Structures are given as structure tokens and as C-alpha cells.
Amino acid sequence: MYGADMLGSLFDETKASNKWNPKNFDNLLNRINMKLPGVNNPYLYFGMWKATFAWHLEDMDLFSINYIHFGAPKQWYVIPPAYRQKFEVYASGIFANEAKTCPQYLRHKSCVISPTALQAQGIKVEKVVQFEGEFMITFPYAYHSGYNLGFNCAESVNFAIDSWIEVGKRASFCTCVGDSVKLDVPFLFEGKLRVYIFSL
């Protein structure tokens, strides 16, 4: 069981350690005049043994930061950005029907492929174990997946820094799921970031 995508935060706003609260990071997403769940407003994740998250990139290929508040570690698999296209070609061969239906089907977070199978195809996969009290940061174009090694609680949110702007201009998005987010990146320079949330 996985209590995923639950809006909220366990960081204590009154403590000095509040500077480590991911939702308080000074980043480009602070220019959005609305709270986007899981994007600039954190989600909580309550995981159990083997509760899995499938291969995906963040909305608009943003950075993400994940923190384990308590409990068992989280096992991550990460594909370096240099192998992104090779992974996408291989995944589209396995999930051909999904790829025909939606060019951005990997953003549905429903495709699981063994890291061993990927490595056999020459796709590099890094393994990282994240423990309680540790942060995990993912970068644009770095596909990631994983599972929990026991009961735990993690908190995650996206962020953007200056180097992301060019990435965001080229980012694709899915129009067939209800919570897909598109940011009109050029308006960042005018302080008028436009946000589109597609729903069925």
C-alpha cells in the first residue's frame, strides 16, 4: 500500500530548522501566484515495504527534492540524463500501445521496467538508498523510479533554478491526465508565469 500524493508537510514552521523546509526554498516557482499540489506545494508519501513509484520525469522536467521524515529507507533507481533518449526508445518498444495513445505516457507514472533489463540494453542505471533524515534531489531529464524498504514517510516538492529555464521552454506535457501541469516559461522573464492545468 502507498499513501502517495497527499497534500501536506511535516516540517515545523516555528523551528529554526525551517530553512530546510523544501517549500520555503527561494526558487523560480515562487513566482507562481497559485499553489500547485506536488509542484510548489509539497506532497507527503506514506510507504510500506515494496510500495513502488514507476519510471518518470517531473512535470515540466523540473528538479525535485524528497526528504524522509521517519521510517525505513527508500530505494531509488536513476537513469543519467545522457541515457534518457535510449531509455525512451526502449520503453516505447515495451509499452507500444501506451506510446501510440499518448506521446507523454511515461508521465502517467505507470510503467515499471527492471533496472537489470535496462542495463542489459546498455542503459546506465544508478542505485541510491535514501535514509531517514536525508534529502534526495532529482535533476531534469533524469528518469527515476524505486520502492520503499519498509514503512516510512517522505515529503517531496519541485523547484526550479535559472539553469532550468531553457529546459522548461522545451518541456513536453501530457494532456490526457487530469493533473498534468504546463508552465508558460517565457513569461518568467516578465514576472507573469502562466500556468495551465489540464483536466478531462
N, C-alpha and C. Protein backbone atom coordinates (compact mmCIF):
# COMPACT_ATOMS: atom_id res chain seq x y z
N MET A 1 0.84 -1.19 0.00
CA MET A 1 0.00 0.00 0.00
C MET A 1 0.88 1.24 0.00
N TYR A 2 0.40 2.28 -0.69
CA TYR A 2 1.17 3.52 -0.79
C TYR A 2 0.23 4.70 -0.66
N GLY A 3 0.37 5.47 0.43
CA GLY A 3 -0.41 6.69 0.60
C GLY A 3 0.34 7.81 -0.08
N ALA A 4 0.24 7.87 -1.41
CA ALA A 4 1.02 8.82 -2.21
C ALA A 4 0.22 10.07 -2.54
N ASP A 5 0.95 11.14 -2.87
CA ASP A 5 0.35 12.39 -3.33
C ASP A 5 -0.67 12.96 -2.36
N MET A 6 -0.29 13.01 -1.09
CA MET A 6 -1.17 13.57 -0.06
C MET A 6 -0.66 14.97 0.28
N LEU A 7 -1.48 15.98 0.02
CA LEU A 7 -1.08 17.37 0.24
C LEU A 7 -0.77 17.61 1.71
N GLY A 8 0.40 18.19 1.99
CA GLY A 8 0.74 18.50 3.38
C GLY A 8 2.23 18.54 3.61
N SER A 9 2.61 18.91 4.82
CA SER A 9 4.01 19.00 5.22
C SER A 9 4.13 18.64 6.68
N LEU A 10 5.24 18.01 7.04
CA LEU A 10 5.52 17.70 8.44
C LEU A 10 6.61 18.59 9.02
N PHE A 11 7.10 19.55 8.23
CA PHE A 11 8.10 20.48 8.76
C PHE A 11 7.42 21.47 9.70
N ASP A 12 8.06 21.71 10.83
CA ASP A 12 7.55 22.64 11.83
C ASP A 12 7.94 24.06 11.44
N GLU A 13 6.95 24.86 11.11
CA GLU A 13 7.19 26.23 10.65
C GLU A 13 7.80 27.12 11.74
N THR A 14 7.71 26.71 12.99
CA THR A 14 8.17 27.57 14.08
C THR A 14 9.62 27.33 14.46
N LYS A 15 10.25 26.29 13.94
CA LYS A 15 11.62 25.96 14.34
C LYS A 15 12.65 26.65 13.47
N ALA A 16 13.84 26.81 14.02
CA ALA A 16 14.95 27.42 13.28
C ALA A 16 15.32 26.57 12.07
N SER A 17 15.07 25.27 12.16
CA SER A 17 15.39 24.36 11.05
C SER A 17 14.45 24.56 9.87
N ASN A 18 13.54 25.52 9.99
CA ASN A 18 12.58 25.81 8.93
C ASN A 18 13.26 26.14 7.60
N LYS A 19 14.53 26.61 7.65
CA LYS A 19 15.24 26.94 6.42
C LYS A 19 15.46 25.71 5.55
N TRP A 20 15.35 24.52 6.15
CA TRP A 20 15.47 23.28 5.38
C TRP A 20 14.13 22.80 4.83
N ASN A 21 13.08 23.53 5.13
CA ASN A 21 11.76 23.17 4.62
C ASN A 21 11.74 23.39 3.10
N PRO A 22 11.58 22.31 2.32
CA PRO A 22 11.66 22.44 0.85
C PRO A 22 10.68 23.45 0.26
N LYS A 23 9.52 23.63 0.86
CA LYS A 23 8.56 24.56 0.26
C LYS A 23 8.98 26.01 0.46
N ASN A 24 9.99 26.24 1.29
CA ASN A 24 10.47 27.61 1.53
C ASN A 24 11.71 27.96 0.71
N PHE A 25 12.16 27.04 -0.15
CA PHE A 25 13.33 27.33 -0.97
C PHE A 25 13.05 28.53 -1.87
N ASP A 26 14.04 29.40 -1.98
CA ASP A 26 13.93 30.54 -2.89
C ASP A 26 14.21 30.02 -4.29
N ASN A 27 13.16 29.89 -5.11
CA ASN A 27 13.33 29.37 -6.46
C ASN A 27 12.29 29.98 -7.39
N LEU A 28 12.43 29.73 -8.67
CA LEU A 28 11.57 30.35 -9.68
C LEU A 28 10.09 30.04 -9.51
N LEU A 29 9.77 28.92 -8.92
CA LEU A 29 8.37 28.55 -8.76
C LEU A 29 7.65 29.44 -7.76
N ASN A 30 8.41 30.23 -7.00
CA ASN A 30 7.78 31.19 -6.08
C ASN A 30 7.07 32.31 -6.84
N ARG A 31 7.35 32.43 -8.14
CA ARG A 31 6.71 33.48 -8.94
C ARG A 31 5.28 33.11 -9.35
N ILE A 32 4.91 31.88 -9.13
CA ILE A 32 3.56 31.46 -9.47
C ILE A 32 2.62 31.95 -8.38
N ASN A 33 1.57 32.60 -8.76
CA ASN A 33 0.64 33.17 -7.78
C ASN A 33 -0.45 32.19 -7.37
N MET A 34 -0.16 30.91 -7.47
CA MET A 34 -1.09 29.89 -7.02
C MET A 34 -0.30 28.69 -6.53
N LYS A 35 -0.92 27.92 -5.66
CA LYS A 35 -0.28 26.73 -5.13
C LYS A 35 -0.66 25.54 -5.99
N LEU A 36 0.34 24.88 -6.55
CA LEU A 36 0.13 23.70 -7.37
C LEU A 36 0.52 22.48 -6.56
N PRO A 37 -0.44 21.62 -6.20
CA PRO A 37 -0.14 20.45 -5.38
C PRO A 37 0.97 19.58 -5.97
N GLY A 38 1.98 19.32 -5.16
CA GLY A 38 3.09 18.48 -5.58
C GLY A 38 4.12 19.19 -6.41
N VAL A 39 3.81 20.39 -6.89
CA VAL A 39 4.77 21.14 -7.71
C VAL A 39 5.45 22.20 -6.85
N ASN A 40 4.70 23.21 -6.39
CA ASN A 40 5.29 24.19 -5.47
C ASN A 40 4.61 24.15 -4.09
N ASN A 41 3.82 23.14 -3.88
CA ASN A 41 3.17 22.88 -2.59
C ASN A 41 3.40 21.40 -2.30
N PRO A 42 4.09 21.05 -1.20
CA PRO A 42 4.57 19.68 -1.03
C PRO A 42 3.49 18.62 -0.86
N TYR A 43 3.90 17.42 -1.26
CA TYR A 43 3.11 16.21 -1.05
C TYR A 43 3.80 15.35 0.00
N LEU A 44 2.99 14.60 0.74
CA LEU A 44 3.50 13.59 1.66
C LEU A 44 3.28 12.21 1.05
N TYR A 45 4.19 11.30 1.36
CA TYR A 45 4.12 9.92 0.86
C TYR A 45 4.34 8.96 2.02
N PHE A 46 3.31 8.18 2.32
CA PHE A 46 3.42 7.16 3.36
C PHE A 46 3.55 5.81 2.67
N GLY A 47 4.74 5.23 2.75
CA GLY A 47 5.01 4.00 2.02
C GLY A 47 5.17 2.80 2.93
N MET A 48 4.91 1.64 2.39
CA MET A 48 5.13 0.37 3.07
C MET A 48 6.14 -0.43 2.26
N TRP A 49 6.55 -1.57 2.76
CA TRP A 49 7.51 -2.45 2.09
C TRP A 49 7.05 -2.72 0.65
N LYS A 50 7.92 -2.41 -0.28
CA LYS A 50 7.72 -2.62 -1.72
C LYS A 50 6.71 -1.67 -2.37
N ALA A 51 6.21 -0.67 -1.65
CA ALA A 51 5.37 0.34 -2.30
C ALA A 51 6.25 1.05 -3.33
N THR A 52 5.82 1.03 -4.58
CA THR A 52 6.68 1.38 -5.71
C THR A 52 6.24 2.66 -6.42
N PHE A 53 7.21 3.40 -6.92
CA PHE A 53 6.92 4.50 -7.84
C PHE A 53 7.61 4.19 -9.17
N ALA A 54 6.85 4.33 -10.26
CA ALA A 54 7.29 3.91 -11.59
C ALA A 54 8.22 4.94 -12.22
N TRP A 55 8.85 4.53 -13.33
CA TRP A 55 9.76 5.42 -14.05
C TRP A 55 9.02 6.69 -14.50
N HIS A 56 9.63 7.84 -14.25
CA HIS A 56 9.02 9.09 -14.67
C HIS A 56 10.01 10.24 -14.56
N LEU A 57 9.65 11.35 -15.20
CA LEU A 57 10.29 12.64 -15.00
C LEU A 57 9.28 13.51 -14.27
N GLU A 58 9.75 14.58 -13.68
CA GLU A 58 8.86 15.52 -13.01
C GLU A 58 8.07 16.34 -14.04
N ASP A 59 6.93 16.89 -13.63
CA ASP A 59 6.19 17.80 -14.50
C ASP A 59 7.13 18.88 -15.00
N MET A 60 7.04 19.18 -16.30
CA MET A 60 7.84 20.22 -16.93
C MET A 60 9.34 20.00 -16.75
N ASP A 61 9.74 18.76 -16.49
CA ASP A 61 11.15 18.38 -16.31
C ASP A 61 11.83 19.22 -15.23
N LEU A 62 11.07 19.50 -14.17
CA LEU A 62 11.59 20.28 -13.04
C LEU A 62 12.55 19.46 -12.19
N PHE A 63 13.28 20.14 -11.33
CA PHE A 63 14.03 19.49 -10.27
C PHE A 63 13.02 19.01 -9.21
N SER A 64 13.41 18.04 -8.42
CA SER A 64 12.59 17.67 -7.27
C SER A 64 13.49 17.42 -6.07
N ILE A 65 12.90 17.60 -4.89
CA ILE A 65 13.62 17.29 -3.66
C ILE A 65 12.70 16.45 -2.78
N ASN A 66 13.25 15.38 -2.24
CA ASN A 66 12.49 14.44 -1.43
C ASN A 66 13.21 14.28 -0.09
N TYR A 67 12.45 14.28 0.99
CA TYR A 67 13.01 14.15 2.33
C TYR A 67 12.27 13.06 3.09
N ILE A 68 12.99 12.15 3.71
CA ILE A 68 12.35 11.11 4.54
C ILE A 68 12.29 11.61 5.97
N HIS A 69 11.08 11.84 6.46
CA HIS A 69 10.89 12.32 7.83
C HIS A 69 11.18 11.22 8.84
N PHE A 70 10.66 10.02 8.60
CA PHE A 70 10.90 8.92 9.53
C PHE A 70 10.66 7.60 8.81
N GLY A 71 11.24 6.55 9.40
CA GLY A 71 10.96 5.21 8.91
C GLY A 71 12.08 4.60 8.10
N ALA A 72 11.71 3.57 7.36
CA ALA A 72 12.65 2.77 6.59
C ALA A 72 13.20 3.55 5.39
N PRO A 73 14.31 3.08 4.84
CA PRO A 73 14.89 3.76 3.67
C PRO A 73 14.02 3.62 2.43
N LYS A 74 14.39 4.41 1.44
CA LYS A 74 13.74 4.37 0.13
C LYS A 74 14.82 4.01 -0.89
N GLN A 75 14.55 3.00 -1.69
CA GLN A 75 15.47 2.57 -2.75
C GLN A 75 15.14 3.32 -4.04
N TRP A 76 16.12 4.03 -4.59
CA TRP A 76 15.94 4.78 -5.83
C TRP A 76 16.77 4.15 -6.95
N TYR A 77 16.24 4.20 -8.16
CA TYR A 77 16.99 3.91 -9.38
C TYR A 77 16.90 5.16 -10.24
N VAL A 78 18.03 5.60 -10.77
CA VAL A 78 18.08 6.83 -11.55
C VAL A 78 18.85 6.57 -12.84
N ILE A 79 18.28 7.04 -13.95
CA ILE A 79 18.93 6.95 -15.25
C ILE A 79 19.58 8.30 -15.53
N PRO A 80 20.89 8.36 -15.73
CA PRO A 80 21.53 9.64 -16.04
C PRO A 80 20.92 10.28 -17.29
N PRO A 81 20.82 11.61 -17.32
CA PRO A 81 20.21 12.29 -18.47
C PRO A 81 20.77 11.89 -19.83
N ALA A 82 22.04 11.54 -19.88
CA ALA A 82 22.65 11.15 -21.16
C ALA A 82 22.00 9.91 -21.76
N TYR A 83 21.32 9.10 -20.94
CA TYR A 83 20.68 7.87 -21.41
C TYR A 83 19.17 8.01 -21.57
N ARG A 84 18.69 9.22 -21.43
CA ARG A 84 17.25 9.47 -21.47
C ARG A 84 16.62 8.98 -22.77
N GLN A 85 17.16 9.40 -23.91
CA GLN A 85 16.55 9.04 -25.20
C GLN A 85 16.62 7.55 -25.46
N LYS A 86 17.71 6.93 -25.08
CA LYS A 86 17.84 5.48 -25.26
C LYS A 86 16.79 4.76 -24.43
N PHE A 87 16.58 5.23 -23.21
CA PHE A 87 15.54 4.65 -22.35
C PHE A 87 14.16 4.83 -22.97
N GLU A 88 13.87 6.03 -23.47
CA GLU A 88 12.55 6.30 -24.05
C GLU A 88 12.27 5.41 -25.25
N VAL A 89 13.27 5.19 -26.09
CA VAL A 89 13.10 4.30 -27.25
C VAL A 89 12.83 2.88 -26.79
N TYR A 90 13.60 2.40 -25.83
CA TYR A 90 13.41 1.03 -25.33
C TYR A 90 12.04 0.88 -24.67
N ALA A 91 11.66 1.85 -23.83
CA ALA A 91 10.36 1.78 -23.15
C ALA A 91 9.21 1.80 -24.15
N SER A 92 9.35 2.57 -25.21
CA SER A 92 8.28 2.65 -26.22
C SER A 92 8.10 1.33 -26.96
N GLY A 93 9.15 0.54 -27.03
CA GLY A 93 9.03 -0.78 -27.62
C GLY A 93 8.27 -1.74 -26.72
N ILE A 94 8.45 -1.59 -25.42
CA ILE A 94 7.76 -2.45 -24.45
C ILE A 94 6.31 -2.01 -24.29
N PHE A 95 6.11 -0.71 -24.18
CA PHE A 95 4.77 -0.15 -23.95
C PHE A 95 4.26 0.52 -25.23
N ALA A 96 4.26 -0.23 -26.32
CA ALA A 96 3.92 0.32 -27.64
C ALA A 96 2.50 0.89 -27.69
N ASN A 97 1.53 0.20 -27.10
CA ASN A 97 0.16 0.70 -27.13
C ASN A 97 0.02 2.02 -26.38
N GLU A 98 0.67 2.11 -25.22
CA GLU A 98 0.63 3.35 -24.44
C GLU A 98 1.30 4.49 -25.20
N ALA A 99 2.43 4.17 -25.87
CA ALA A 99 3.16 5.20 -26.61
C ALA A 99 2.35 5.73 -27.79
N LYS A 100 1.54 4.85 -28.42
CA LYS A 100 0.69 5.29 -29.54
C LYS A 100 -0.45 6.17 -29.04
N THR A 101 -0.96 5.88 -27.86
CA THR A 101 -2.09 6.62 -27.31
C THR A 101 -1.69 8.00 -26.82
N CYS A 102 -0.50 8.09 -26.17
CA CYS A 102 -0.05 9.36 -25.60
C CYS A 102 1.47 9.46 -25.74
N PRO A 103 1.97 10.45 -26.46
CA PRO A 103 3.42 10.61 -26.60
C PRO A 103 4.13 10.81 -25.26
N GLN A 104 3.41 11.27 -24.25
CA GLN A 104 4.00 11.51 -22.93
C GLN A 104 3.53 10.48 -21.91
N TYR A 105 3.33 9.24 -22.36
CA TYR A 105 2.78 8.18 -21.49
C TYR A 105 3.65 7.91 -20.27
N LEU A 106 4.95 8.16 -20.34
CA LEU A 106 5.80 7.91 -19.18
C LEU A 106 5.49 8.88 -18.03
N ARG A 107 4.84 9.99 -18.33
CA ARG A 107 4.43 10.92 -17.28
C ARG A 107 3.22 10.40 -16.51
N HIS A 108 2.60 9.31 -16.98
CA HIS A 108 1.47 8.71 -16.27
C HIS A 108 1.93 7.96 -15.02
N LYS A 109 3.22 7.74 -14.91
CA LYS A 109 3.82 7.04 -13.76
C LYS A 109 3.23 5.65 -13.56
N SER A 110 3.15 4.91 -14.66
CA SER A 110 2.57 3.57 -14.59
C SER A 110 3.44 2.49 -15.24
N CYS A 111 4.63 2.85 -15.70
CA CYS A 111 5.49 1.90 -16.41
C CYS A 111 6.68 1.48 -15.55
N VAL A 112 6.76 0.20 -15.28
CA VAL A 112 7.84 -0.35 -14.47
C VAL A 112 8.69 -1.27 -15.35
N ILE A 113 9.99 -1.04 -15.35
CA ILE A 113 10.94 -1.88 -16.08
C ILE A 113 12.09 -2.19 -15.14
N SER A 114 12.51 -3.42 -15.11
CA SER A 114 13.60 -3.83 -14.23
C SER A 114 14.90 -3.11 -14.58
N PRO A 115 15.62 -2.59 -13.58
CA PRO A 115 16.93 -1.99 -13.85
C PRO A 115 17.88 -2.97 -14.53
N THR A 116 17.77 -4.25 -14.21
CA THR A 116 18.62 -5.26 -14.85
C THR A 116 18.35 -5.34 -16.34
N ALA A 117 17.06 -5.30 -16.72
CA ALA A 117 16.70 -5.32 -18.14
C ALA A 117 17.23 -4.08 -18.85
N LEU A 118 17.17 -2.94 -18.19
CA LEU A 118 17.67 -1.70 -18.79
C LEU A 118 19.18 -1.77 -18.99
N GLN A 119 19.89 -2.25 -17.99
CA GLN A 119 21.34 -2.35 -18.09
C GLN A 119 21.75 -3.31 -19.20
N ALA A 120 20.95 -4.36 -19.40
CA ALA A 120 21.22 -5.32 -20.49
C ALA A 120 21.10 -4.65 -21.86
N GLN A 121 20.36 -3.55 -21.94
CA GLN A 121 20.21 -2.79 -23.18
C GLN A 121 21.24 -1.66 -23.30
N GLY A 122 22.18 -1.62 -22.37
CA GLY A 122 23.21 -0.58 -22.40
C GLY A 122 22.74 0.75 -21.82
N ILE A 123 21.66 0.71 -21.05
CA ILE A 123 21.13 1.92 -20.40
C ILE A 123 21.66 1.96 -18.97
N LYS A 124 22.43 2.96 -18.65
CA LYS A 124 23.03 3.06 -17.33
C LYS A 124 21.96 3.36 -16.28
N VAL A 125 22.02 2.64 -15.18
CA VAL A 125 21.09 2.85 -14.06
C VAL A 125 21.90 2.96 -12.78
N GLU A 126 21.72 4.05 -12.07
CA GLU A 126 22.38 4.25 -10.78
C GLU A 126 21.44 3.85 -9.66
N LYS A 127 21.99 3.29 -8.59
CA LYS A 127 21.19 2.87 -7.43
C LYS A 127 21.58 3.74 -6.24
N VAL A 128 20.56 4.28 -5.56
CA VAL A 128 20.80 5.12 -4.39
C VAL A 128 19.83 4.70 -3.30
N VAL A 129 20.33 4.52 -2.08
CA VAL A 129 19.47 4.25 -0.93
C VAL A 129 19.40 5.52 -0.09
N GLN A 130 18.17 6.01 0.12
CA GLN A 130 17.94 7.22 0.90
C GLN A 130 17.43 6.82 2.28
N PHE A 131 18.06 7.35 3.31
CA PHE A 131 17.71 7.01 4.68
C PHE A 131 16.93 8.14 5.36
N GLU A 132 16.33 7.80 6.49
CA GLU A 132 15.62 8.80 7.30
C GLU A 132 16.52 10.00 7.56
N GLY A 133 15.97 11.21 7.41
CA GLY A 133 16.72 12.43 7.65
C GLY A 133 17.58 12.88 6.48
N GLU A 134 17.48 12.19 5.35
CA GLU A 134 18.28 12.55 4.18
C GLU A 134 17.40 13.12 3.07
N PHE A 135 18.01 13.99 2.28
CA PHE A 135 17.36 14.58 1.11
C PHE A 135 17.83 13.86 -0.14
N MET A 136 16.94 13.73 -1.10
CA MET A 136 17.27 13.19 -2.43
C MET A 136 16.82 14.24 -3.44
N ILE A 137 17.72 14.65 -4.34
CA ILE A 137 17.39 15.63 -5.36
C ILE A 137 17.47 14.95 -6.72
N THR A 138 16.43 15.15 -7.55
CA THR A 138 16.48 14.65 -8.92
C THR A 138 16.59 15.83 -9.86
N PHE A 139 17.25 15.60 -10.98
CA PHE A 139 17.54 16.65 -11.95
C PHE A 139 16.66 16.50 -13.19
N PRO A 140 16.51 17.57 -13.96
CA PRO A 140 15.78 17.46 -15.22
C PRO A 140 16.37 16.36 -16.10
N TYR A 141 15.50 15.64 -16.80
CA TYR A 141 15.86 14.58 -17.75
C TYR A 141 16.39 13.31 -17.09
N ALA A 142 16.42 13.26 -15.77
CA ALA A 142 16.89 12.05 -15.08
C ALA A 142 15.68 11.22 -14.66
N TYR A 143 15.34 10.22 -15.47
CA TYR A 143 14.24 9.32 -15.11
C TYR A 143 14.58 8.64 -13.79
N HIS A 144 13.56 8.46 -12.95
CA HIS A 144 13.78 7.80 -11.68
C HIS A 144 12.58 6.94 -11.31
N SER A 145 12.86 5.92 -10.53
CA SER A 145 11.83 5.01 -10.01
C SER A 145 12.37 4.42 -8.73
N GLY A 146 11.57 3.60 -8.07
CA GLY A 146 12.06 2.97 -6.86
C GLY A 146 10.95 2.40 -6.01
N TYR A 147 11.30 2.07 -4.78
CA TYR A 147 10.33 1.49 -3.86
C TYR A 147 10.81 1.70 -2.42
N ASN A 148 9.90 1.50 -1.50
CA ASN A 148 10.21 1.67 -0.09
C ASN A 148 10.65 0.34 0.52
N LEU A 149 11.60 0.42 1.44
CA LEU A 149 12.14 -0.78 2.08
C LEU A 149 11.44 -1.10 3.40
N GLY A 150 10.33 -0.44 3.65
CA GLY A 150 9.54 -0.63 4.85
C GLY A 150 8.70 0.61 5.06
N PHE A 151 7.97 0.66 6.16
CA PHE A 151 7.10 1.81 6.40
C PHE A 151 7.92 3.08 6.60
N ASN A 152 7.52 4.14 5.92
CA ASN A 152 8.20 5.42 6.08
C ASN A 152 7.27 6.56 5.68
N CYS A 153 7.74 7.77 5.92
CA CYS A 153 7.01 8.96 5.49
C CYS A 153 8.00 9.92 4.85
N ALA A 154 7.72 10.28 3.59
CA ALA A 154 8.58 11.20 2.86
C ALA A 154 7.77 12.42 2.42
N GLU A 155 8.48 13.49 2.16
CA GLU A 155 7.86 14.72 1.67
C GLU A 155 8.62 15.17 0.44
N SER A 156 7.88 15.63 -0.57
CA SER A 156 8.51 15.99 -1.83
C SER A 156 7.86 17.21 -2.45
N VAL A 157 8.67 17.99 -3.17
CA VAL A 157 8.18 19.16 -3.89
C VAL A 157 9.14 19.43 -5.05
N ASN A 158 8.68 20.14 -6.06
CA ASN A 158 9.54 20.52 -7.18
C ASN A 158 10.15 21.89 -6.93
N PHE A 159 11.21 22.18 -7.68
CA PHE A 159 11.79 23.51 -7.64
C PHE A 159 12.48 23.79 -8.97
N ALA A 160 12.76 25.06 -9.22
CA ALA A 160 13.41 25.47 -10.46
C ALA A 160 14.44 26.54 -10.17
N ILE A 161 15.60 26.39 -10.80
CA ILE A 161 16.65 27.40 -10.71
C ILE A 161 16.91 27.94 -12.12
N ASP A 162 17.77 28.94 -12.24
CA ASP A 162 17.98 29.59 -13.53
C ASP A 162 18.34 28.61 -14.64
N SER A 163 19.14 27.61 -14.35
CA SER A 163 19.56 26.65 -15.39
C SER A 163 18.38 25.86 -15.94
N TRP A 164 17.26 25.83 -15.22
CA TRP A 164 16.09 25.07 -15.69
C TRP A 164 15.31 25.82 -16.77
N ILE A 165 15.45 27.13 -16.88
CA ILE A 165 14.61 27.91 -17.78
C ILE A 165 14.62 27.37 -19.21
N GLU A 166 15.80 27.10 -19.76
CA GLU A 166 15.87 26.57 -21.13
C GLU A 166 15.26 25.17 -21.21
N VAL A 167 15.44 24.38 -20.15
CA VAL A 167 14.81 23.06 -20.09
C VAL A 167 13.29 23.20 -20.11
N GLY A 168 12.79 24.12 -19.30
CA GLY A 168 11.34 24.33 -19.20
C GLY A 168 10.73 24.79 -20.50
N LYS A 169 11.46 25.58 -21.29
CA LYS A 169 10.94 26.04 -22.57
C LYS A 169 10.70 24.88 -23.54
N ARG A 170 11.51 23.82 -23.39
CA ARG A 170 11.41 22.67 -24.30
C ARG A 170 10.57 21.53 -23.72
N ALA A 171 10.17 21.64 -22.47
CA ALA A 171 9.49 20.53 -21.80
C ALA A 171 8.15 20.19 -22.45
N SER A 172 7.88 18.89 -22.50
CA SER A 172 6.59 18.41 -23.00
C SER A 172 5.69 18.09 -21.82
N PHE A 173 4.42 17.91 -22.11
CA PHE A 173 3.48 17.59 -21.04
C PHE A 173 2.38 16.72 -21.60
N CYS A 174 1.66 16.08 -20.73
CA CYS A 174 0.58 15.18 -21.12
C CYS A 174 -0.75 15.92 -21.01
N THR A 175 -1.62 15.73 -22.00
CA THR A 175 -2.93 16.37 -21.97
C THR A 175 -4.05 15.37 -21.67
N CYS A 176 -3.69 14.11 -21.40
CA CYS A 176 -4.75 13.11 -21.20
C CYS A 176 -4.93 12.70 -19.74
N VAL A 177 -4.15 13.28 -18.83
CA VAL A 177 -4.37 13.02 -17.41
C VAL A 177 -4.82 14.31 -16.73
N GLY A 178 -5.60 14.17 -15.68
CA GLY A 178 -6.25 15.32 -15.07
C GLY A 178 -5.34 16.26 -14.30
N ASP A 179 -4.15 15.84 -13.91
CA ASP A 179 -3.31 16.71 -13.08
C ASP A 179 -2.02 17.13 -13.79
N SER A 180 -2.02 17.09 -15.12
CA SER A 180 -0.84 17.49 -15.87
C SER A 180 -0.68 19.01 -15.79
N VAL A 181 0.56 19.46 -15.61
CA VAL A 181 0.84 20.88 -15.44
C VAL A 181 1.72 21.37 -16.58
N LYS A 182 1.36 22.52 -17.15
CA LYS A 182 2.20 23.19 -18.14
C LYS A 182 2.47 24.61 -17.66
N LEU A 183 3.74 24.97 -17.63
CA LEU A 183 4.13 26.32 -17.26
C LEU A 183 4.55 27.07 -18.52
N ASP A 184 4.05 28.27 -18.71
CA ASP A 184 4.41 29.10 -19.85
C ASP A 184 5.71 29.82 -19.50
N VAL A 185 6.82 29.15 -19.75
CA VAL A 185 8.11 29.57 -19.23
C VAL A 185 8.58 30.95 -19.71
N PRO A 186 8.38 31.33 -20.97
CA PRO A 186 8.87 32.67 -21.37
C PRO A 186 8.35 33.81 -20.50
N PHE A 187 7.20 33.63 -19.90
CA PHE A 187 6.65 34.69 -19.06
C PHE A 187 7.39 34.83 -17.74
N LEU A 188 8.30 33.89 -17.45
CA LEU A 188 9.14 34.04 -16.25
C LEU A 188 9.91 35.35 -16.29
N PHE A 189 10.37 35.72 -17.48
CA PHE A 189 11.21 36.90 -17.60
C PHE A 189 10.43 38.18 -17.35
N GLU A 190 9.11 38.12 -17.48
CA GLU A 190 8.28 39.29 -17.24
C GLU A 190 7.59 39.22 -15.88
N GLY A 191 7.88 38.17 -15.12
CA GLY A 191 7.23 38.00 -13.82
C GLY A 191 5.77 37.64 -13.93
N LYS A 192 5.35 37.09 -15.08
CA LYS A 192 3.95 36.73 -15.29
C LYS A 192 3.85 35.27 -15.71
N LEU A 193 4.31 34.38 -14.89
CA LEU A 193 4.31 32.97 -15.24
C LEU A 193 2.88 32.46 -15.39
N ARG A 194 2.56 31.94 -16.56
CA ARG A 194 1.22 31.42 -16.82
C ARG A 194 1.19 29.92 -16.55
N VAL A 195 0.13 29.46 -15.94
CA VAL A 195 0.02 28.05 -15.58
C VAL A 195 -1.25 27.48 -16.18
N TYR A 196 -1.13 26.32 -16.78
CA TYR A 196 -2.29 25.61 -17.33
C TYR A 196 -2.38 24.27 -16.65
N ILE A 197 -3.53 23.95 -16.10
CA ILE A 197 -3.76 22.62 -15.54
C ILE A 197 -4.83 21.97 -16.38
N PHE A 198 -4.48 20.86 -17.02
CA PHE A 198 -5.41 20.20 -17.92
C PHE A 198 -6.25 19.19 -17.15
N SER A 199 -7.51 19.18 -17.42
CA SER A 199 -8.39 18.20 -16.80
C SER A 199 -9.35 17.68 -17.84
N LEU A 200 -9.79 16.45 -17.65
CA LEU A 200 -10.70 15.82 -18.60
C LEU A 200 -12.11 16.32 -18.42
